[in-house]
PDB file of N, CA and C in Angstrom:
ATOM      1  N   MET A   1      25.071  31.054 -11.827  1.00  0.00           N
ATOM      2  CA  MET A   1      25.410  29.657 -11.790  1.00  0.00           C
ATOM      3  C   MET A   1      24.887  28.979 -10.534  1.00  0.00           C
ATOM      4  N   SER A   2      24.727  29.716  -9.460  1.00  0.00           N
ATOM      5  CA  SER A   2      24.192  29.106  -8.244  1.00  0.00           C
ATOM      6  C   SER A   2      22.732  28.692  -8.442  1.00  0.00           C
ATOM      7  N   GLN A   3      22.044  29.335  -9.395  1.00  0.00           N
ATOM      8  CA  GLN A   3      20.662  28.965  -9.670  1.00  0.00           C
ATOM      9  C   GLN A   3      20.562  27.567 -10.287  1.00  0.00           C
ATOM     10  N   GLU A   4      21.592  27.141 -10.985  1.00  0.00           N
ATOM     11  CA  GLU A   4      21.566  25.806 -11.589  1.00  0.00           C
ATOM     12  C   GLU A   4      21.595  24.712 -10.530  1.00  0.00           C
ATOM     13  N   ALA A   5      22.214  24.978  -9.399  1.00  0.00           N
ATOM     14  CA  ALA A   5      22.305  23.981  -8.329  1.00  0.00           C
ATOM     15  C   ALA A   5      20.966  23.819  -7.619  1.00  0.00           C
ATOM     16  N   VAL A   6      20.163  24.858  -7.555  1.00  0.00           N
ATOM     17  CA  VAL A   6      18.893  24.799  -6.841  1.00  0.00           C
ATOM     18  C   VAL A   6      17.898  23.859  -7.535  1.00  0.00           C
ATOM     19  N   PRO A   7      17.642  24.007  -8.850  1.00  0.00           N
ATOM     20  CA  PRO A   7      16.709  23.075  -9.487  1.00  0.00           C
ATOM     21  C   PRO A   7      17.167  21.621  -9.440  1.00  0.00           C
ATOM     22  N   SER A   8      18.469  21.383  -9.511  1.00  0.00           N
ATOM     23  CA  SER A   8      18.945  20.000  -9.493  1.00  0.00           C
ATOM     24  C   SER A   8      18.750  19.368  -8.117  1.00  0.00           C
ATOM     25  N   SER A   9      18.729  20.161  -7.051  1.00  0.00           N
ATOM     26  CA  SER A   9      18.522  19.609  -5.713  1.00  0.00           C
ATOM     27  C   SER A   9      17.035  19.415  -5.425  1.00  0.00           C
ATOM     28  N   GLN A  10      16.159  20.177  -6.034  1.00  0.00           N
ATOM     29  CA  GLN A  10      14.722  20.052  -5.787  1.00  0.00           C
ATOM     30  C   GLN A  10      14.155  18.705  -6.247  1.00  0.00           C
ATOM     31  N   PRO A  11      14.449  18.226  -7.466  1.00  0.00           N
ATOM     32  CA  PRO A  11      13.912  16.923  -7.858  1.00  0.00           C
ATOM     33  C   PRO A  11      14.370  15.801  -6.935  1.00  0.00           C
ATOM     34  N   LYS A  12      15.593  15.871  -6.435  1.00  0.00           N
ATOM     35  CA  LYS A  12      16.057  14.846  -5.511  1.00  0.00           C
ATOM     36  C   LYS A  12      15.213  14.873  -4.245  1.00  0.00           C
ATOM     37  N   GLY A  13      14.897  16.044  -3.736  1.00  0.00           N
ATOM     38  CA  GLY A  13      14.040  16.173  -2.564  1.00  0.00           C
ATOM     39  C   GLY A  13      12.636  15.662  -2.851  1.00  0.00           C
ATOM     40  N   LEU A  14      12.112  16.004  -4.014  1.00  0.00           N
ATOM     41  CA  LEU A  14      10.781  15.538  -4.391  1.00  0.00           C
ATOM     42  C   LEU A  14      10.766  14.033  -4.577  1.00  0.00           C
ATOM     43  N   LEU A  15      11.804  13.497  -5.168  1.00  0.00           N
ATOM     44  CA  LEU A  15      11.890  12.051  -5.359  1.00  0.00           C
ATOM     45  C   LEU A  15      11.923  11.345  -4.011  1.00  0.00           C
ATOM     46  N   GLN A  16      12.680  11.875  -3.086  1.00  0.00           N
ATOM     47  CA  GLN A  16      12.752  11.275  -1.751  1.00  0.00           C
ATOM     48  C   GLN A  16      11.389  11.345  -1.067  1.00  0.00           C
ATOM     49  N   GLN A  17      10.697  12.467  -1.195  1.00  0.00           N
ATOM     50  CA  GLN A  17       9.363  12.605  -0.609  1.00  0.00           C
ATOM     51  C   GLN A  17       8.393  11.602  -1.230  1.00  0.00           C
ATOM     52  N   MET A  18       8.460  11.446  -2.543  1.00  0.00           N
ATOM     53  CA  MET A  18       7.583  10.493  -3.218  1.00  0.00           C
ATOM     54  C   MET A  18       7.868   9.065  -2.773  1.00  0.00           C
ATOM     55  N   GLU A  19       9.154   8.721  -2.627  1.00  0.00           N
ATOM     56  CA  GLU A  19       9.512   7.385  -2.173  1.00  0.00           C
ATOM     57  C   GLU A  19       8.990   7.128  -0.764  1.00  0.00           C
ATOM     58  N   GLU A  20       9.089   8.144   0.109  1.00  0.00           N
ATOM     59  CA  GLU A  20       8.584   8.000   1.472  1.00  0.00           C
ATOM     60  C   GLU A  20       7.070   7.860   1.479  1.00  0.00           C
ATOM     61  N   LEU A  21       6.401   8.643   0.654  1.00  0.00           N
ATOM     62  CA  LEU A  21       4.941   8.545   0.574  1.00  0.00           C
ATOM     63  C   LEU A  21       4.502   7.197   0.014  1.00  0.00           C
ATOM     64  N   MET A  22       5.200   6.712  -0.997  1.00  0.00           N
ATOM     65  CA  MET A  22       4.869   5.406  -1.576  1.00  0.00           C
ATOM     66  C   MET A  22       5.106   4.289  -0.568  1.00  0.00           C
ATOM     67  N   ALA A  23       6.176   4.388   0.213  1.00  0.00           N
ATOM     68  CA  ALA A  23       6.450   3.380   1.236  1.00  0.00           C
ATOM     69  C   ALA A  23       5.353   3.393   2.297  1.00  0.00           C
ATOM     70  N   ALA A  24       4.922   4.578   2.703  1.00  0.00           N
ATOM     71  CA  ALA A  24       3.855   4.681   3.696  1.00  0.00           C
ATOM     72  C   ALA A  24       2.542   4.146   3.127  1.00  0.00           C
ATOM     73  N   LEU A  25       2.248   4.463   1.879  1.00  0.00           N
ATOM     74  CA  LEU A  25       1.033   3.978   1.237  1.00  0.00           C
ATOM     75  C   LEU A  25       1.060   2.461   1.113  1.00  0.00           C
ATOM     76  N   ASN A  26       2.201   1.917   0.737  1.00  0.00           N
ATOM     77  CA  ASN A  26       2.344   0.471   0.613  1.00  0.00           C
ATOM     78  C   ASN A  26       2.120  -0.213   1.964  1.00  0.00           C
ATOM     79  N   ALA A  27       2.669   0.358   3.030  1.00  0.00           N
ATOM     80  CA  ALA A  27       2.478  -0.203   4.366  1.00  0.00           C
ATOM     81  C   ALA A  27       1.007  -0.137   4.770  1.00  0.00           C
ATOM     82  N   ASP A  28       0.353   0.977   4.470  1.00  0.00           N
ATOM     83  CA  ASP A  28      -1.072   1.105   4.790  1.00  0.00           C
ATOM     84  C   ASP A  28      -1.902   0.096   4.018  1.00  0.00           C
ATOM     85  N   LEU A  29      -1.599  -0.080   2.737  1.00  0.00           N
ATOM     86  CA  LEU A  29      -2.347  -1.034   1.923  1.00  0.00           C
ATOM     87  C   LEU A  29      -2.106  -2.470   2.379  1.00  0.00           C
ATOM     88  N   SER A  30      -0.894  -2.770   2.789  1.00  0.00           N
ATOM     89  CA  SER A  30      -0.599  -4.105   3.297  1.00  0.00           C
ATOM     90  C   SER A  30      -1.390  -4.373   4.575  1.00  0.00           C
ATOM     91  N   GLN A  31      -1.460  -3.382   5.453  1.00  0.00           N
ATOM     92  CA  GLN A  31      -2.224  -3.540   6.691  1.00  0.00           C
ATOM     93  C   GLN A  31      -3.708  -3.667   6.381  1.00  0.00           C
ATOM     94  N   LEU A  32      -4.206  -2.887   5.453  1.00  0.00           N
ATOM     95  CA  LEU A  32      -5.612  -2.968   5.064  1.00  0.00           C
ATOM     96  C   LEU A  32      -5.933  -4.331   4.473  1.00  0.00           C
ATOM     97  N   ASP A  33      -5.032  -4.856   3.648  1.00  0.00           N
ATOM     98  CA  ASP A  33      -5.214  -6.185   3.059  1.00  0.00           C
ATOM     99  C   ASP A  33      -5.255  -7.253   4.145  1.00  0.00           C
ATOM    100  N   ALA A  34      -4.373  -7.144   5.131  1.00  0.00           N
ATOM    101  CA  ALA A  34      -4.360  -8.108   6.228  1.00  0.00           C
ATOM    102  C   ALA A  34      -5.644  -8.002   7.048  1.00  0.00           C
ATOM    103  N   ASP A  35      -6.088  -6.788   7.325  1.00  0.00           N
ATOM    104  CA  ASP A  35      -7.328  -6.595   8.079  1.00  0.00           C
ATOM    105  C   ASP A  35      -8.524  -7.143   7.305  1.00  0.00           C
ATOM    106  N   PHE A  36      -8.538  -6.916   6.008  1.00  0.00           N
ATOM    107  CA  PHE A  36      -9.635  -7.393   5.172  1.00  0.00           C
ATOM    108  C   PHE A  36      -9.669  -8.919   5.152  1.00  0.00           C
ATOM    109  N   GLY A  37      -8.513  -9.540   5.057  1.00  0.00           N
ATOM    110  CA  GLY A  37      -8.437 -10.996   5.058  1.00  0.00           C
ATOM    111  C   GLY A  37      -8.944 -11.578   6.362  1.00  0.00           C
ATOM    112  N   GLN A  38      -8.580 -10.969   7.485  1.00  0.00           N
ATOM    113  CA  GLN A  38      -9.050 -11.448   8.784  1.00  0.00           C
ATOM    114  C   GLN A  38     -10.554 -11.257   8.914  1.00  0.00           C
ATOM    115  N   SER A  39     -11.068 -10.143   8.426  1.00  0.00           N
ATOM    116  CA  SER A  39     -12.497  -9.869   8.492  1.00  0.00           C
ATOM    117  C   SER A  39     -13.274 -10.877   7.655  1.00  0.00           C
ATOM    118  N   ALA A  40     -12.767 -11.207   6.477  1.00  0.00           N
ATOM    119  CA  ALA A  40     -13.445 -12.166   5.596  1.00  0.00           C
ATOM    120  C   ALA A  40     -13.464 -13.555   6.234  1.00  0.00           C
ATOM    121  N   GLU A  41     -12.396 -13.925   6.924  1.00  0.00           N
ATOM    122  CA  GLU A  41     -12.346 -15.230   7.577  1.00  0.00           C
ATOM    123  C   GLU A  41     -13.363 -15.316   8.706  1.00  0.00           C
ATOM    124  N   ARG A  42     -13.568 -14.229   9.429  1.00  0.00           N
ATOM    125  CA  ARG A  42     -14.532 -14.232  10.534  1.00  0.00           C
ATOM    126  C   ARG A  42     -15.959 -14.285  10.021  1.00  0.00           C
ATOM    127  N   GLN A  43     -16.254 -13.648   8.899  1.00  0.00           N
ATOM    128  CA  GLN A  43     -17.618 -13.591   8.384  1.00  0.00           C
ATOM    129  C   GLN A  43     -18.024 -14.881   7.702  1.00  0.00           C
ATOM    130  N   ALA A  44     -17.101 -15.580   7.082  1.00  0.00           N
ATOM    131  CA  ALA A  44     -17.430 -16.798   6.337  1.00  0.00           C
ATOM    132  C   ALA A  44     -16.479 -17.921   6.742  1.00  0.00           C
ATOM    133  N   PRO A  45     -16.722 -18.559   7.910  1.00  0.00           N
ATOM    134  CA  PRO A  45     -15.803 -19.601   8.352  1.00  0.00           C
ATOM    135  C   PRO A  45     -15.880 -20.863   7.529  1.00  0.00           C
ATOM    136  N   THR A  46     -16.998 -21.097   6.839  1.00  0.00           N
ATOM    137  CA  THR A  46     -17.123 -22.294   6.000  1.00  0.00           C
ATOM    138  C   THR A  46     -17.011 -21.897   4.552  1.00  0.00           C
ATOM    139  N   PRO A  47     -16.408 -22.728   3.715  1.00  0.00           N
ATOM    140  CA  PRO A  47     -16.280 -22.392   2.292  1.00  0.00           C
ATOM    141  C   PRO A  47     -17.637 -22.412   1.592  1.00  0.00           C
ATOM    142  N   ALA A  48     -17.839 -21.518   0.642  1.00  0.00           N
ATOM    143  CA  ALA A  48     -19.103 -21.420  -0.074  1.00  0.00           C
ATOM    144  C   ALA A  48     -19.295 -22.596  -1.028  1.00  0.00           C
ATOM    145  N   ASP A  49     -18.219 -23.129  -1.551  1.00  0.00           N
ATOM    146  CA  ASP A  49     -18.304 -24.242  -2.493  1.00  0.00           C
ATOM    147  C   ASP A  49     -18.023 -25.557  -1.770  1.00  0.00           C
ATOM    148  N   GLY A  50     -18.994 -26.021  -1.008  1.00  0.00           N
ATOM    149  CA  GLY A  50     -18.852 -27.273  -0.267  1.00  0.00           C
ATOM    150  C   GLY A  50     -19.548 -28.407  -0.973  1.00  0.00           C
ATOM    151  N   PRO A  51     -19.486 -29.605  -0.423  1.00  0.00           N
ATOM    152  CA  PRO A  51     -20.126 -30.776  -1.054  1.00  0.00           C
ATOM    153  C   PRO A  51     -21.649 -30.686  -1.044  1.00  0.00           C
ATOM    154  N   ASP A  52     -22.238 -29.898  -0.170  1.00  0.00           N
ATOM    155  CA  ASP A  52     -23.705 -29.769  -0.111  1.00  0.00           C
ATOM    156  C   ASP A  52     -24.251 -28.878  -1.209  1.00  0.00           C
ATOM    157  N   ARG A  53     -23.385 -28.162  -1.852  1.00  0.00           N
ATOM    158  CA  ARG A  53     -23.828 -27.227  -2.876  1.00  0.00           C
ATOM    159  C   ARG A  53     -24.033 -27.963  -4.205  1.00  0.00           C
ATOM    160  N   ALA A  54     -25.194 -27.755  -4.819  1.00  0.00           N
ATOM    161  CA  ALA A  54     -25.496 -28.450  -6.075  1.00  0.00           C
ATOM    162  C   ALA A  54     -25.518 -27.496  -7.238  1.00  0.00           C
TER     163      ALA A  54
END
């Protein structure tokens, strides 16, 4: 019967690990998105679709 307690505790540990990994991945992607946005603003300070464009 003690074996039944072990498998039930493992998924909870795995779920917690997955949640932590997803949170870290989300934070990394948010930072990458912010960095990408800043980089795009520096490379193209003027809009491509301006009044001079025909």
